[in-house]
Protein backbone atom coordinates (compact mmCIF):
# COMPACT_ATOMS: atom_id res chain seq x y z
CA MET A 1 -24.42 -6.04 28.63
CA GLU A 2 -21.58 -6.63 26.17
CA ARG A 3 -19.33 -3.69 25.51
CA PRO A 4 -19.48 -2.21 22.00
CA TYR A 5 -16.67 -2.49 19.48
CA ILE A 6 -15.01 0.93 19.30
CA LEU A 7 -12.52 2.07 16.65
CA HIS A 8 -10.57 5.27 17.30
CA MET A 9 -9.28 6.69 14.01
CA PHE A 10 -6.31 9.07 14.16
CA THR A 11 -5.28 11.21 11.20
CA PRO A 12 -2.86 14.14 10.84
CA GLY A 13 -5.15 15.44 8.11
CA ARG A 14 -8.15 17.74 8.39
CA GLN A 15 -10.57 14.88 7.86
CA MET A 16 -10.70 11.10 8.07
CA SER A 17 -11.33 9.25 4.82
CA PRO A 18 -15.01 8.31 4.36
CA PHE A 19 -13.75 5.18 2.59
CA ASP A 20 -12.00 3.99 5.75
CA ILE A 21 -15.00 4.84 7.93
CA ASN A 22 -17.24 2.76 5.67
CA MET A 23 -14.77 -0.12 5.74
CA ALA A 24 -14.63 -0.03 9.53
CA ALA A 25 -18.42 -0.13 9.78
CA ASP A 26 -18.62 -3.05 7.35
CA ALA A 27 -16.06 -4.91 9.45
CA GLY A 28 -18.38 -4.72 12.44
CA TYR A 29 -17.16 -1.77 14.49
CA GLN A 30 -20.16 -0.23 16.22
CA ILE A 31 -18.70 3.09 17.35
CA ILE A 32 -16.24 4.80 15.00
CA VAL A 33 -14.66 8.07 16.13
CA PRO A 34 -12.28 10.15 13.96
CA TYR A 35 -9.64 12.43 15.50
CA CYS A 36 -8.36 14.97 12.96
CA ASP A 37 -5.23 17.15 12.92
CA ALA A 38 -3.50 14.62 15.18
CA SER A 39 0.25 15.17 15.49
CA LEU A 40 2.88 12.56 16.22
CA ASP A 41 3.32 14.07 19.68
CA SER A 42 -0.41 13.71 20.43
CA ILE A 43 -0.51 9.97 19.77
CA THR A 44 0.68 8.91 23.22
CA GLY A 45 -2.04 10.85 25.01
CA LEU A 46 -4.79 9.80 22.61
CA THR A 47 -3.77 6.16 22.87
CA GLN A 48 -3.68 6.15 26.65
CA ASP A 49 -7.07 7.85 26.84
CA ALA A 50 -8.43 5.11 24.59
CA ILE A 51 -7.08 2.19 26.61
CA PHE A 52 -7.28 3.04 30.31
CA SER A 53 -11.04 3.72 30.36
CA ARG A 54 -12.14 0.26 29.20
CA GLY A 55 -10.31 -2.21 31.43
CA PRO A 56 -8.55 -5.43 30.39
CA LYS A 57 -11.73 -6.93 28.89
CA GLY A 58 -12.80 -3.76 27.16
CA VAL A 59 -9.52 -3.36 25.31
CA GLN A 60 -10.32 -6.54 23.36
CA ARG A 61 -13.19 -4.60 21.80
CA THR A 62 -11.13 -1.46 21.17
CA GLY A 63 -8.99 -0.67 18.14
CA ILE A 64 -6.90 2.20 16.81
CA PHE A 65 -6.63 3.00 13.09
CA ILE A 66 -4.07 5.46 11.71
CA GLY A 67 -4.75 7.26 8.45
CA GLY A 68 -3.48 10.42 6.78
CA ARG A 69 -1.51 10.82 3.56
CA ASP A 70 2.08 10.35 4.71
CA ALA A 71 3.25 6.73 4.59
CA LEU A 72 6.31 7.36 6.75
CA LEU A 73 4.48 9.45 9.35
CA ALA A 74 1.81 6.75 9.65
CA ALA A 75 4.51 4.18 10.42
CA ASP A 76 5.92 6.49 13.09
CA MET A 77 2.45 7.01 14.58
CA LEU A 78 1.91 3.24 14.66
CA GLU A 79 5.15 2.80 16.61
CA ARG A 80 4.27 5.67 18.95
CA ALA A 81 0.84 4.17 19.70
CA LYS A 82 2.38 0.78 20.38
CA SER A 83 4.95 2.22 22.77
CA ALA A 84 2.24 4.19 24.63
CA MET A 85 0.44 1.06 25.82
CA VAL A 86 0.95 -0.62 29.18
CA LYS A 87 0.01 -4.28 29.73
CA PRO A 88 -2.70 -5.48 30.16
CA PHE A 89 -4.13 -2.34 28.51
CA VAL A 90 -3.12 -3.26 24.96
CA VAL A 91 -5.38 -2.73 21.95
CA SER A 92 -5.11 -3.72 18.31
CA LEU A 93 -3.51 -1.22 15.90
CA MET A 94 -3.70 -0.75 12.15
CA ALA A 95 -2.20 1.84 9.80
CA ASP A 96 -3.30 2.46 6.22
CA PRO A 97 -2.65 6.10 5.20
CA SER A 98 -4.77 7.00 2.15
CA GLY A 99 -5.09 3.26 1.58
CA ALA A 100 -1.42 3.28 0.63
CA TYR A 101 -0.47 0.20 2.63
CA THR A 102 -3.29 -2.02 1.38
CA THR A 103 -3.15 -0.65 -2.19
CA ALA A 104 0.62 -1.15 -2.43
CA ALA A 105 0.32 -4.61 -0.90
CA ALA A 106 -2.41 -5.61 -3.35
CA MET A 107 -0.47 -4.21 -6.31
CA VAL A 108 2.76 -6.02 -5.49
CA ALA A 109 0.94 -9.27 -4.64
CA CYS A 110 -0.85 -9.17 -8.02
CA VAL A 111 2.47 -8.59 -9.79
CA GLU A 112 4.10 -11.44 -7.90
CA ALA A 113 1.27 -13.78 -8.91
CA ALA A 114 1.57 -12.69 -12.56
CA LEU A 115 5.32 -13.30 -12.54
CA LYS A 116 4.75 -16.80 -11.19
CA ARG A 117 2.30 -17.48 -14.02
CA GLN A 118 5.15 -16.72 -16.41
CA GLY A 119 7.43 -19.20 -14.67
CA ALA A 120 9.42 -16.78 -12.52
CA ALA A 121 10.03 -17.52 -8.85
CA GLY A 122 8.40 -14.22 -7.91
CA LEU A 123 9.92 -10.81 -7.31
CA ASP A 124 13.34 -12.02 -6.23
CA GLY A 125 15.94 -10.65 -8.65
CA GLN A 126 13.43 -8.64 -10.69
CA ARG A 127 14.14 -5.06 -11.74
CA VAL A 128 11.20 -2.88 -10.67
CA VAL A 129 10.57 0.74 -11.65
CA VAL A 130 7.91 2.60 -9.65
CA LEU A 131 6.47 5.49 -11.67
CA GLY A 132 5.09 8.09 -9.30
CA GLY A 133 7.45 6.57 -6.79
CA THR A 134 7.56 9.52 -4.39
CA GLY A 135 3.89 9.29 -3.42
CA PRO A 136 2.59 7.14 -0.54
CA VAL A 137 1.54 4.14 -2.64
CA GLY A 138 4.70 4.27 -4.74
CA ARG A 139 7.03 4.43 -1.75
CA ILE A 140 5.39 1.51 0.05
CA ALA A 141 5.09 -0.58 -3.12
CA GLY A 142 8.81 -0.04 -3.58
CA VAL A 143 9.57 -1.14 -0.02
CA ILE A 144 7.43 -4.28 -0.31
CA ALA A 145 9.03 -5.21 -3.63
CA ALA A 146 12.52 -4.63 -2.20
CA GLN A 147 11.72 -6.76 0.84
CA ALA A 148 10.63 -9.50 -1.56
CA GLY A 149 14.05 -9.45 -3.25
CA ALA A 150 13.58 -7.02 -6.14
CA THR A 151 15.94 -4.21 -7.13
CA VAL A 152 13.75 -1.10 -7.02
CA TRP A 153 13.94 2.37 -8.56
CA LEU A 154 11.57 5.12 -7.48
CA SER A 155 10.87 7.46 -10.40
CA SER A 156 9.75 11.08 -10.13
CA ARG A 157 8.57 13.47 -12.81
CA ASN A 158 10.22 16.19 -10.69
CA GLY A 159 13.64 14.81 -11.55
CA ILE A 160 16.49 12.76 -10.16
CA ASP A 161 17.12 14.83 -7.01
CA VAL A 162 13.56 14.41 -5.74
CA ALA A 163 13.58 10.73 -6.63
CA GLU A 164 16.88 10.06 -4.87
CA GLN A 165 15.79 11.92 -1.75
CA ALA A 166 12.56 9.87 -1.55
CA ALA A 167 14.55 6.67 -2.09
CA ARG A 168 17.03 7.54 0.67
CA GLU A 169 14.38 8.60 3.19
CA THR A 170 12.07 5.66 2.54
CA GLY A 171 14.84 3.08 2.37
CA ALA A 172 16.38 4.30 5.61
CA ARG A 173 13.03 4.32 7.42
CA PHE A 174 12.19 0.73 6.49
CA GLY A 175 15.62 -0.85 6.22
CA VAL A 176 15.78 -1.53 2.49
CA THR A 177 17.84 -0.25 -0.43
CA LEU A 178 15.92 1.86 -2.93
CA HIS A 179 17.28 3.83 -5.88
CA GLY A 180 16.07 7.08 -7.42
CA ILE A 181 15.63 7.62 -11.14
CA SER A 182 14.31 10.54 -13.16
CA GLY A 183 10.97 10.50 -14.95
CA GLY A 184 11.08 14.20 -15.69
CA ASP A 185 10.51 13.99 -19.46
CA ARG A 186 9.84 11.45 -22.19
CA ALA A 187 13.52 10.69 -22.72
CA ALA A 188 14.00 10.09 -18.99
CA VAL A 189 10.95 7.81 -18.80
CA ARG A 190 12.16 5.78 -21.76
CA THR A 191 15.61 5.44 -20.23
CA SER A 192 14.18 4.45 -16.85
CA ILE A 193 12.00 1.64 -18.22
CA GLY A 194 14.57 0.34 -20.67
CA GLU A 195 15.77 -2.54 -18.49
CA ALA A 196 12.73 -2.92 -16.24
CA ASP A 197 11.14 -6.31 -15.66
CA VAL A 198 8.21 -4.73 -13.82
CA LEU A 199 6.53 -1.34 -14.04
CA LEU A 200 4.37 -0.11 -11.17
CA ALA A 201 2.41 3.00 -12.16
CA CYS A 202 1.46 4.91 -9.00
CA ALA A 203 1.20 8.41 -10.44
CA ALA A 204 -1.70 10.82 -9.97
CA ALA A 205 -5.11 9.85 -11.33
CA GLY A 206 -5.72 10.79 -14.94
CA VAL A 207 -2.03 11.13 -15.79
CA GLN A 208 -0.51 8.85 -18.42
CA VAL A 209 3.11 8.24 -17.50
CA VAL A 210 3.93 5.61 -20.13
CA SER A 211 2.60 5.93 -23.69
CA ALA A 212 2.30 3.17 -26.27
CA GLU A 213 5.43 4.53 -27.93
CA ASP A 214 7.28 4.52 -24.61
CA LEU A 215 6.47 0.83 -24.10
CA GLY A 216 8.54 0.04 -27.17
CA PHE A 217 11.64 0.90 -25.12
CA ALA A 218 10.77 -1.60 -22.36
CA LYS A 219 12.30 -4.61 -24.08
CA ASP A 220 12.52 -6.79 -20.96
CA LEU A 221 9.10 -5.99 -19.55
CA LYS A 222 7.22 -8.89 -17.94
CA VAL A 223 4.47 -7.20 -15.93
CA ALA A 224 2.96 -3.69 -15.96
CA ALA A 225 0.58 -2.73 -13.13
CA ASP A 226 -1.40 0.51 -12.92
CA VAL A 227 -3.49 1.84 -10.01
CA ASN A 228 -4.95 4.75 -12.03
CA ALA A 229 -8.69 4.21 -12.63
CA VAL A 230 -9.27 7.65 -14.24
CA PRO A 231 -8.80 7.97 -18.04
CA PRO A 232 -6.35 8.02 -19.63
CA GLU A 233 -4.70 4.90 -18.25
CA GLY A 234 -1.37 5.44 -16.47
CA ILE A 235 0.28 2.86 -18.72
CA ALA A 236 -1.09 2.83 -22.24
CA GLY A 237 -3.00 -0.33 -23.04
CA VAL A 238 -3.55 -1.46 -19.44
CA GLY A 239 -7.32 -1.50 -18.95
CA VAL A 240 -8.80 -1.01 -15.51
CA MET A 241 -10.28 -4.54 -15.55
CA ASP A 242 -7.15 -6.28 -16.85
CA ASP A 243 -6.03 -9.11 -14.60
CA ALA A 244 -2.71 -10.39 -15.94
CA ARG A 245 -3.91 -9.82 -19.50
CA PRO A 246 -1.40 -9.68 -22.38
CA LEU A 247 -0.33 -6.08 -22.99
CA ALA A 248 -0.52 -5.22 -26.68
CA GLY A 249 2.81 -4.65 -28.39
CA THR A 250 4.80 -6.30 -25.60
CA ALA A 251 5.48 -9.73 -24.12
CA ALA A 252 4.22 -8.46 -20.76
CA LEU A 253 1.05 -8.94 -18.75
CA GLY A 254 -1.02 -5.94 -17.68
CA ILE A 255 -2.83 -5.50 -14.37
CA GLY A 256 -5.37 -2.72 -14.07
CA ALA A 257 -6.70 -0.53 -11.28
CA LEU A 258 -9.95 -2.38 -10.61
CA ALA A 259 -8.25 -5.78 -10.53
CA ILE A 260 -5.82 -4.37 -7.96
CA GLY A 261 -8.66 -2.54 -6.22
CA ASN A 262 -10.58 -5.75 -5.61
CA VAL A 263 -7.57 -7.27 -3.85
CA LYS A 264 -7.03 -4.02 -1.92
CA TYR A 265 -10.65 -4.04 -0.72
CA GLN A 266 -10.49 -7.66 0.38
CA THR A 267 -7.16 -7.04 2.10
CA GLN A 268 -8.37 -4.03 4.09
CA HIS A 269 -11.61 -5.80 5.04
CA ARG A 270 -9.75 -8.86 6.28
CA LEU A 271 -7.30 -6.78 8.29
CA LEU A 272 -10.09 -4.83 9.98
CA LEU A 273 -11.89 -8.09 10.77
CA GLN A 274 -8.68 -9.55 12.14
CA MET A 275 -8.22 -6.51 14.36
CA ARG A 276 -11.79 -6.65 15.66
CA GLU A 277 -11.86 -10.42 16.21
CA ALA A 278 -8.37 -10.91 17.68
CA GLU A 279 -8.29 -12.35 21.19
CA LYS A 280 -4.80 -10.89 21.62
CA ALA A 281 -3.93 -7.45 20.31
CA VAL A 282 -2.42 -7.31 16.81
CA ARG A 283 -0.35 -4.66 15.05
CA LEU A 284 -1.09 -4.38 11.33
CA GLY A 285 1.03 -2.47 8.83
CA PHE A 286 2.01 -2.99 5.21
CA ALA A 287 3.88 -6.27 5.87
CA GLU A 288 0.71 -7.81 7.26
CA ALA A 289 -1.26 -6.29 4.39
CA PHE A 290 1.07 -7.95 1.87
CA ALA A 291 0.72 -11.33 3.60
CA THR A 292 -3.06 -10.94 3.57
CA ALA A 293 -3.16 -9.96 -0.12
CA ARG A 294 -0.99 -12.95 -0.99
CA ALA A 295 -3.30 -15.26 0.96
CA PHE A 296 -6.41 -13.87 -0.76
CA LEU A 297 -4.89 -14.40 -4.20
CA ALA A 298 -3.81 -17.93 -3.31
CA GLU A 299 -7.33 -18.76 -2.13
CA SER A 300 -8.83 -17.27 -5.29
CA ALA A 301 -6.45 -19.27 -7.49
CA ALA A 302 -7.29 -22.50 -5.64
CA LYS A 303 -11.00 -21.97 -6.37
CA GLN A 304 -10.43 -21.62 -10.12
C-alpha cells in the first residue's frame, strides 16, 4: 500500500489558517495536521519527529509548512527546520506566514509586469514606497523589490521611528537595504509619495492610506498596487479588479486586490504542488514564490 501524503503545519499562533489548510488539501495532501503555539525552539523536535518515523521513501511523501503572522520568525523557523534534518531523512519545506510570502511575491511580480508594459526594464532603479510597510506583507514586498534592484522605503502611520526600526530589522535579516519613512499624517504621506515611482499599499483592510487628493502629489508615479479588498480602497481609484488599468488623475497604472489575489492563489497552489511532487526535497520561501509568480504571469501573457 502506498504511503499517504502528509503535511505537518507549524504555527506560532493559536490556530492554523483555514485558508492554508484548504490550499494544502487542494494540492493533494491527504493528511494535514496543524501544530499550534509552536515556538522557534520547538521546531527541531517537531521536525525530527516528522522525519524519522517514515523512512527514506516515506519522507518523499512528507512536507512541513510554516505559518503564523511574523514574516521574520517564519524565515527563522524555516532555517531551523532545515538544520534539524539528517540525510537521507529530508523532507520538503515551505513557509508562508499569513500568506505574506505569496501575497508579496504576487504583488511585486504584478508591478514588475506593469512597469515592463510601460517600457521600463522592471524594478531596477525604481523608487518604491510601501504603505503599511511594517506588516508582514509590506516587509516582504519591500525585500523582494529591493532584491530586484529597487530603492525601497517602508512607511508607517506610527511615525518615522517605527518605520526605521522595521527597515533596519528586516533589511538586516534578509541582506538588503531598506529605508524608513513616516506616514503618520496626511502631510507625511504626501511627502513620502512625492518622488515615488511605485506605491505598494499593504495597510490594514478597510483603511484608505492614499486619497485622490494625495495622488496629486505623486508626480512621478508609474504603478500603484493595493492588496486591500475591503472598501474603501487603500489607494483611491484602484478598483479590486484592476489589472494594470489607468489610474484616474495620474499617468500611472493601478493593480487591485483581486488581480493580485489571483496570482497569489496560483503561486501558493503551484508551490504546494511542487513540494508534494518533488522527487528531491525542496525549500520554498518568498524568493521561490516570486519566481513562481513571475512564471505564472509570463505564461498568462503568452496565452493572450
